[in-house]
Amino acid sequence: MGSVSEPFIKQLHRLLKERGFKPTIYCEKRSCKGWQDLWRIRINGTMMMDRWFEEIRPMNNKHEKKKGAWWTPDGKFL
């Protein structure tokens, strides 16, 4: 997930940590293009991904397709 709002991403990071996730925050510097910096939050690993799909339940079908394209049903990376 990404946002130009650093406070929003930091708040989301805190909430995810409180729920037991292990999120990472990083910033894409885009000022050389004349754009605002983009703050991103990421969750890595099969355990965290499975938990994300169980607890957050993203409704956009593209997320389920991406999950199926990169991970086998037994949780192994292709």
N, C-alpha and C. Protein backbone atom coordinates (compact mmCIF):
# COMPACT_ATOMS: atom_id res chain seq x y z
N MET A 1 0.85 -1.16 0.00
CA MET A 1 0.00 0.00 0.00
C MET A 1 0.90 1.22 0.00
N GLY A 2 0.48 2.27 -0.66
CA GLY A 2 1.27 3.49 -0.72
C GLY A 2 0.42 4.73 -0.54
N SER A 3 1.06 5.78 -0.04
CA SER A 3 0.39 7.07 0.16
C SER A 3 1.44 8.16 0.24
N VAL A 4 1.07 9.36 -0.14
CA VAL A 4 1.98 10.50 0.04
C VAL A 4 1.91 11.02 1.47
N SER A 5 0.98 10.49 2.26
CA SER A 5 0.81 10.93 3.64
C SER A 5 1.64 10.05 4.59
N GLU A 6 2.75 10.58 5.05
CA GLU A 6 3.58 9.84 6.00
C GLU A 6 2.84 9.53 7.30
N PRO A 7 2.08 10.49 7.89
CA PRO A 7 1.34 10.17 9.12
C PRO A 7 0.35 9.03 8.94
N PHE A 8 -0.32 8.98 7.79
CA PHE A 8 -1.28 7.91 7.53
C PHE A 8 -0.58 6.54 7.51
N ILE A 9 0.53 6.45 6.79
CA ILE A 9 1.26 5.19 6.69
C ILE A 9 1.80 4.77 8.06
N LYS A 10 2.28 5.73 8.84
CA LYS A 10 2.78 5.39 10.17
C LYS A 10 1.65 4.92 11.09
N GLN A 11 0.48 5.51 10.96
CA GLN A 11 -0.67 5.07 11.74
C GLN A 11 -1.10 3.66 11.32
N LEU A 12 -1.13 3.41 10.02
CA LEU A 12 -1.47 2.08 9.52
C LEU A 12 -0.44 1.05 10.00
N HIS A 13 0.83 1.42 9.98
CA HIS A 13 1.91 0.56 10.47
C HIS A 13 1.66 0.18 11.93
N ARG A 14 1.32 1.16 12.75
CA ARG A 14 1.05 0.91 14.17
C ARG A 14 -0.14 -0.03 14.35
N LEU A 15 -1.21 0.21 13.60
CA LEU A 15 -2.40 -0.63 13.71
C LEU A 15 -2.12 -2.07 13.29
N LEU A 16 -1.36 -2.24 12.23
CA LEU A 16 -1.03 -3.59 11.77
C LEU A 16 -0.15 -4.31 12.80
N LYS A 17 0.80 -3.59 13.40
CA LYS A 17 1.65 -4.20 14.43
C LYS A 17 0.80 -4.62 15.63
N GLU A 18 -0.17 -3.79 16.00
CA GLU A 18 -1.06 -4.13 17.12
C GLU A 18 -1.87 -5.39 16.83
N ARG A 19 -2.13 -5.66 15.55
CA ARG A 19 -2.88 -6.86 15.16
C ARG A 19 -1.97 -8.07 14.95
N GLY A 20 -0.67 -7.90 15.18
CA GLY A 20 0.25 -9.02 15.08
C GLY A 20 0.96 -9.17 13.75
N PHE A 21 0.77 -8.23 12.83
CA PHE A 21 1.48 -8.27 11.56
C PHE A 21 2.89 -7.72 11.76
N LYS A 22 3.75 -7.95 10.76
CA LYS A 22 5.12 -7.44 10.80
C LYS A 22 5.35 -6.56 9.57
N PRO A 23 4.79 -5.35 9.58
CA PRO A 23 4.90 -4.48 8.41
C PRO A 23 6.24 -3.76 8.34
N THR A 24 6.60 -3.36 7.13
CA THR A 24 7.81 -2.58 6.88
C THR A 24 7.38 -1.29 6.18
N ILE A 25 7.99 -0.18 6.59
CA ILE A 25 7.73 1.12 5.96
C ILE A 25 8.96 1.52 5.17
N TYR A 26 8.74 2.07 3.99
CA TYR A 26 9.85 2.68 3.25
C TYR A 26 9.31 3.83 2.41
N CYS A 27 10.22 4.69 2.00
CA CYS A 27 9.84 5.89 1.26
C CYS A 27 10.51 5.88 -0.11
N GLU A 28 9.72 6.08 -1.14
CA GLU A 28 10.25 6.26 -2.50
C GLU A 28 10.42 7.75 -2.73
N LYS A 29 11.66 8.17 -2.85
CA LYS A 29 11.94 9.58 -3.11
C LYS A 29 11.62 9.89 -4.56
N ARG A 30 10.70 10.82 -4.76
CA ARG A 30 10.27 11.15 -6.13
C ARG A 30 10.40 12.63 -6.44
N SER A 31 11.11 13.35 -5.57
CA SER A 31 11.23 14.80 -5.75
C SER A 31 11.99 15.16 -7.03
N CYS A 32 12.86 14.28 -7.51
CA CYS A 32 13.59 14.56 -8.75
C CYS A 32 12.64 14.64 -9.95
N LYS A 33 11.47 14.04 -9.83
CA LYS A 33 10.45 14.11 -10.89
C LYS A 33 9.46 15.24 -10.65
N GLY A 34 9.66 15.96 -9.53
CA GLY A 34 8.73 17.03 -9.18
C GLY A 34 7.48 16.53 -8.48
N TRP A 35 7.53 15.27 -8.01
CA TRP A 35 6.39 14.67 -7.33
C TRP A 35 6.66 14.60 -5.83
N GLN A 36 5.59 14.38 -5.08
CA GLN A 36 5.74 14.15 -3.64
C GLN A 36 6.32 12.76 -3.40
N ASP A 37 7.05 12.62 -2.30
CA ASP A 37 7.57 11.30 -1.94
C ASP A 37 6.40 10.35 -1.67
N LEU A 38 6.60 9.08 -1.98
CA LEU A 38 5.56 8.07 -1.78
C LEU A 38 5.98 7.16 -0.64
N TRP A 39 5.18 7.13 0.40
CA TRP A 39 5.42 6.26 1.56
C TRP A 39 4.70 4.95 1.31
N ARG A 40 5.41 3.85 1.53
CA ARG A 40 4.82 2.54 1.29
C ARG A 40 4.92 1.67 2.53
N ILE A 41 3.97 0.76 2.64
CA ILE A 41 3.97 -0.22 3.71
C ILE A 41 3.87 -1.59 3.06
N ARG A 42 4.64 -2.53 3.58
CA ARG A 42 4.71 -3.84 2.96
C ARG A 42 4.68 -4.92 4.05
N ILE A 43 4.07 -6.05 3.69
CA ILE A 43 4.05 -7.21 4.59
C ILE A 43 4.63 -8.37 3.79
N ASN A 44 5.68 -9.00 4.31
CA ASN A 44 6.37 -10.07 3.61
C ASN A 44 6.11 -11.44 4.23
N GLY A 45 6.26 -12.47 3.42
CA GLY A 45 6.22 -13.84 3.91
C GLY A 45 4.87 -14.52 3.75
N THR A 46 4.92 -15.85 3.67
CA THR A 46 3.69 -16.61 3.47
C THR A 46 2.77 -16.56 4.67
N MET A 47 3.35 -16.60 5.87
CA MET A 47 2.50 -16.55 7.07
C MET A 47 1.74 -15.23 7.14
N MET A 48 2.44 -14.13 6.87
CA MET A 48 1.80 -12.82 6.93
C MET A 48 0.78 -12.67 5.81
N MET A 49 1.10 -13.21 4.62
CA MET A 49 0.16 -13.12 3.51
C MET A 49 -1.12 -13.90 3.83
N ASP A 50 -0.95 -15.11 4.33
CA ASP A 50 -2.13 -15.90 4.69
C ASP A 50 -2.96 -15.19 5.74
N ARG A 51 -2.29 -14.64 6.72
CA ARG A 51 -3.00 -13.90 7.78
C ARG A 51 -3.74 -12.70 7.21
N TRP A 52 -3.08 -11.98 6.28
CA TRP A 52 -3.69 -10.82 5.63
C TRP A 52 -4.99 -11.22 4.94
N PHE A 53 -4.96 -12.32 4.19
CA PHE A 53 -6.16 -12.75 3.47
C PHE A 53 -7.23 -13.25 4.43
N GLU A 54 -6.86 -13.80 5.57
CA GLU A 54 -7.84 -14.27 6.55
C GLU A 54 -8.47 -13.11 7.32
N GLU A 55 -7.66 -12.16 7.76
CA GLU A 55 -8.16 -11.09 8.63
C GLU A 55 -8.64 -9.86 7.88
N ILE A 56 -7.90 -9.43 6.88
CA ILE A 56 -8.24 -8.19 6.17
C ILE A 56 -9.26 -8.47 5.06
N ARG A 57 -9.12 -9.61 4.41
CA ARG A 57 -10.02 -10.04 3.34
C ARG A 57 -10.19 -8.97 2.24
N PRO A 58 -9.13 -8.72 1.48
CA PRO A 58 -9.26 -7.73 0.41
C PRO A 58 -10.35 -8.14 -0.57
N MET A 59 -11.15 -7.20 -0.98
CA MET A 59 -12.31 -7.49 -1.83
C MET A 59 -11.98 -7.38 -3.33
N ASN A 60 -10.83 -6.80 -3.67
CA ASN A 60 -10.46 -6.66 -5.07
C ASN A 60 -9.94 -8.00 -5.57
N ASN A 61 -10.55 -8.53 -6.59
CA ASN A 61 -10.23 -9.85 -7.12
C ASN A 61 -8.77 -9.96 -7.60
N LYS A 62 -8.16 -8.82 -7.98
CA LYS A 62 -6.79 -8.87 -8.48
C LYS A 62 -5.82 -9.39 -7.41
N HIS A 63 -6.11 -9.14 -6.13
CA HIS A 63 -5.24 -9.61 -5.06
C HIS A 63 -5.27 -11.13 -4.96
N GLU A 64 -6.44 -11.70 -5.10
CA GLU A 64 -6.56 -13.16 -5.06
C GLU A 64 -5.85 -13.79 -6.26
N LYS A 65 -5.94 -13.15 -7.42
CA LYS A 65 -5.26 -13.65 -8.61
C LYS A 65 -3.75 -13.60 -8.43
N LYS A 66 -3.25 -12.50 -7.86
CA LYS A 66 -1.81 -12.39 -7.63
C LYS A 66 -1.34 -13.45 -6.65
N LYS A 67 -2.11 -13.66 -5.61
CA LYS A 67 -1.76 -14.68 -4.63
C LYS A 67 -1.67 -16.04 -5.32
N GLY A 68 -2.62 -16.37 -6.14
CA GLY A 68 -2.63 -17.64 -6.83
C GLY A 68 -1.53 -17.78 -7.86
N ALA A 69 -1.07 -16.65 -8.43
CA ALA A 69 -0.03 -16.70 -9.45
C ALA A 69 1.35 -16.95 -8.85
N TRP A 70 1.55 -16.57 -7.59
CA TRP A 70 2.89 -16.66 -7.01
C TRP A 70 3.04 -17.72 -5.92
N TRP A 71 1.94 -18.22 -5.39
CA TRP A 71 2.03 -19.16 -4.27
C TRP A 71 1.23 -20.42 -4.57
N THR A 72 1.77 -21.56 -4.20
CA THR A 72 1.04 -22.81 -4.36
C THR A 72 0.03 -22.95 -3.22
N PRO A 73 -0.96 -23.82 -3.36
CA PRO A 73 -1.96 -23.97 -2.29
C PRO A 73 -1.36 -24.37 -0.93
N ASP A 74 -0.19 -25.03 -0.94
CA ASP A 74 0.42 -25.42 0.34
C ASP A 74 1.36 -24.33 0.88
N GLY A 75 1.33 -23.11 0.26
CA GLY A 75 2.05 -21.97 0.80
C GLY A 75 3.49 -21.83 0.33
N LYS A 76 3.85 -22.52 -0.75
CA LYS A 76 5.21 -22.42 -1.25
C LYS A 76 5.28 -21.43 -2.40
N PHE A 77 6.38 -20.68 -2.43
CA PHE A 77 6.60 -19.68 -3.47
C PHE A 77 6.98 -20.38 -4.78
N LEU A 78 6.37 -19.96 -5.88
CA LEU A 78 6.68 -20.56 -7.19
C LEU A 78 8.00 -20.06 -7.72
